[in-house]
Protein backbone atom coordinates (compact mmCIF):
# COMPACT_ATOMS: atom_id res chain seq x y z
CA MET A 1 0.10 0.03 0.03
CA LYS A 2 1.15 3.36 -0.92
CA LYS A 3 2.35 5.78 2.11
CA ARG A 4 -0.17 8.32 0.96
CA ASP A 5 -2.98 5.77 1.39
CA MET A 6 -1.83 4.70 4.75
CA LEU A 7 -1.79 8.21 5.95
CA LYS A 8 -5.37 8.80 4.64
CA PHE A 9 -6.49 5.51 6.58
CA LYS A 10 -4.49 6.61 9.66
CA LYS A 11 -6.51 9.89 9.75
CA ILE A 12 -9.81 8.06 9.12
CA LEU A 13 -8.95 5.47 11.90
CA GLU A 14 -7.86 8.04 14.37
CA ALA A 15 -11.18 10.08 13.83
CA GLN A 16 -13.23 6.79 14.44
CA ARG A 17 -11.20 6.01 17.52
CA ASP A 18 -11.67 9.63 18.89
CA GLU A 19 -15.40 9.51 18.16
CA LEU A 20 -15.72 6.13 20.04
CA LEU A 21 -13.70 7.33 22.75
CA GLY A 22 -15.67 10.44 23.15
CA ASN A 23 -18.89 8.30 23.44
CA ALA A 24 -17.11 6.14 26.23
CA GLN A 25 -16.29 9.27 28.09
CA LYS A 26 -19.89 10.60 28.09
CA THR A 27 -20.90 7.21 29.65
CA ILE A 28 -18.21 7.34 32.31
CA THR A 29 -18.69 10.88 33.18
CA GLY A 30 -22.45 10.18 33.87
CA GLU A 31 -24.03 12.16 30.93
CA ILE A 32 -26.07 8.87 30.48
CA HIS A 33 -27.79 7.97 33.78
CA LEU A 34 -30.65 6.68 35.29
CA ASP A 35 -32.58 8.86 37.83
CA PRO A 36 -35.71 7.26 39.44
CA ASP A 37 -37.02 10.72 40.11
CA ASP A 38 -37.45 11.29 36.29
CA PHE A 39 -40.04 8.51 35.84
CA PRO A 40 -43.71 8.79 36.91
CA ASP A 41 -44.19 4.84 36.82
CA GLU A 42 -42.56 1.49 36.61
CA ILE A 43 -42.97 1.22 32.94
CA ASP A 44 -40.99 4.42 32.20
CA ALA A 45 -38.21 3.17 34.66
CA ALA A 46 -38.43 -0.24 33.00
CA SER A 47 -38.05 1.32 29.72
CA SER A 48 -35.07 3.49 30.64
CA GLU A 49 -33.21 0.63 32.24
CA MET A 50 -33.71 -1.39 28.91
CA ASN A 51 -32.23 1.57 27.02
CA LEU A 52 -29.27 1.69 29.39
CA ALA A 53 -28.74 -1.91 29.03
CA PHE A 54 -28.78 -1.57 25.21
CA LEU A 55 -26.22 1.38 25.42
CA GLY A 56 -23.98 -0.92 27.69
CA ARG A 57 -23.99 -3.48 25.02
CA LEU A 58 -23.35 -0.92 22.43
CA ARG A 59 -20.46 0.33 24.34
CA GLU A 60 -19.05 -3.07 24.70
CA ARG A 61 -19.14 -3.49 20.83
CA GLU A 62 -17.49 -0.13 20.49
CA ARG A 63 -14.60 -1.25 22.83
CA GLY A 64 -13.91 -4.22 20.61
CA LEU A 65 -13.80 -1.74 17.60
CA ILE A 66 -11.52 0.46 19.31
CA ASN A 67 -9.12 -2.49 19.84
CA LYS A 68 -9.42 -3.19 16.18
CA ILE A 69 -8.50 0.48 15.41
CA GLN A 70 -5.70 0.44 17.61
CA GLN A 71 -4.48 -2.78 15.97
CA ALA A 72 -4.85 -1.12 12.48
CA LEU A 73 -2.84 1.91 13.68
CA ARG A 74 0.02 -0.19 14.96
CA LYS A 75 0.12 -1.82 11.46
CA ILE A 76 0.31 1.45 9.82
CA GLU A 77 3.29 2.42 11.97
CA GLU A 78 4.89 -1.01 11.33
CA GLY A 79 4.20 -0.57 7.63
CA VAL A 80 2.28 -3.82 7.28
CA TYR A 81 -1.29 -2.17 7.10
CA GLY A 82 -3.36 -3.69 4.29
CA GLU A 83 -1.73 -7.07 4.38
CA CYS A 84 -4.09 -10.07 4.78
CA GLU A 85 -3.23 -11.83 8.17
CA ALA A 86 -4.10 -15.18 6.62
CA CYS A 87 -2.39 -15.27 3.15
CA GLY A 88 -0.09 -12.23 3.22
CA GLU A 89 -1.50 -10.71 0.03
CA GLU A 90 -2.48 -7.24 -0.13
CA ILE A 91 -6.04 -6.30 0.87
CA SER A 92 -7.91 -4.54 -2.01
CA LEU A 93 -8.40 -0.63 -1.52
CA LYS A 94 -11.97 -0.99 -2.03
CA ARG A 95 -12.22 -3.44 0.95
CA ILE A 96 -10.03 -1.30 3.20
CA GLU A 97 -12.24 1.81 2.04
CA ALA A 98 -15.29 0.01 3.28
CA ARG A 99 -13.67 -1.54 6.52
CA PRO A 100 -10.48 -0.01 7.53
CA VAL A 101 -10.01 -2.35 10.14
CA ALA A 102 -10.16 -5.26 7.80
CA GLU A 103 -7.64 -8.05 8.70
CA LEU A 104 -8.26 -10.41 6.02
CA CYS A 105 -8.64 -10.11 2.17
CA ILE A 106 -11.98 -10.77 0.61
CA ASP A 107 -11.11 -14.30 -0.32
CA CYS A 108 -9.86 -15.29 3.05
CA LYS A 109 -12.87 -13.63 4.81
CA ALA A 110 -15.37 -15.52 2.66
CA GLU A 111 -13.57 -18.74 3.48
CA GLN A 112 -13.56 -17.84 7.34
CA GLU A 113 -17.27 -17.13 7.14
CA ALA A 114 -18.05 -20.22 5.23
CA LEU A 115 -16.06 -22.34 7.94
CA GLU A 116 -18.01 -20.45 10.69
CA ARG A 117 -21.35 -21.33 9.17
CA ARG A 118 -20.49 -25.03 8.81
CA ASN A 119 -19.41 -25.00 12.47
CA ALA A 120 -22.62 -23.17 13.64
C-alpha cells in the first residue's frame, strides 16, 4: 500500500477512535444516567433501564472496535497495514475503504465465514 493511502487511512482510523472514545467518556462521566425521580411509573423506569442496558451492549461493541482500530494503527506504524493476516496478500483498496479495520482479504474472509457457518 502506498504511504499516501496509509496516511489517509490513519486519519480515518484516528477520527473513528476519537469519536468512540468520546462516546465512552460520556458514559463514564455520567452524561447517560438513570434517575428514578425522572419517571412517574414503573413502565417508564423499565424502559429507561432497557435503554441503558442496550447502551451498555453498544459500548461493549465499540470497545472491541476501538481495539481493532488500535491494531490497525499499529500496523500502519509498522508498515504492514493492508496485508491479509491469513495469506499475506494485499487487501484490496475497496475493501479497506469499506472497512478500514479489515484484517483479511475478501477471499480469506469469505472462507472464514463459510467455515463459521459450517461449524455453527
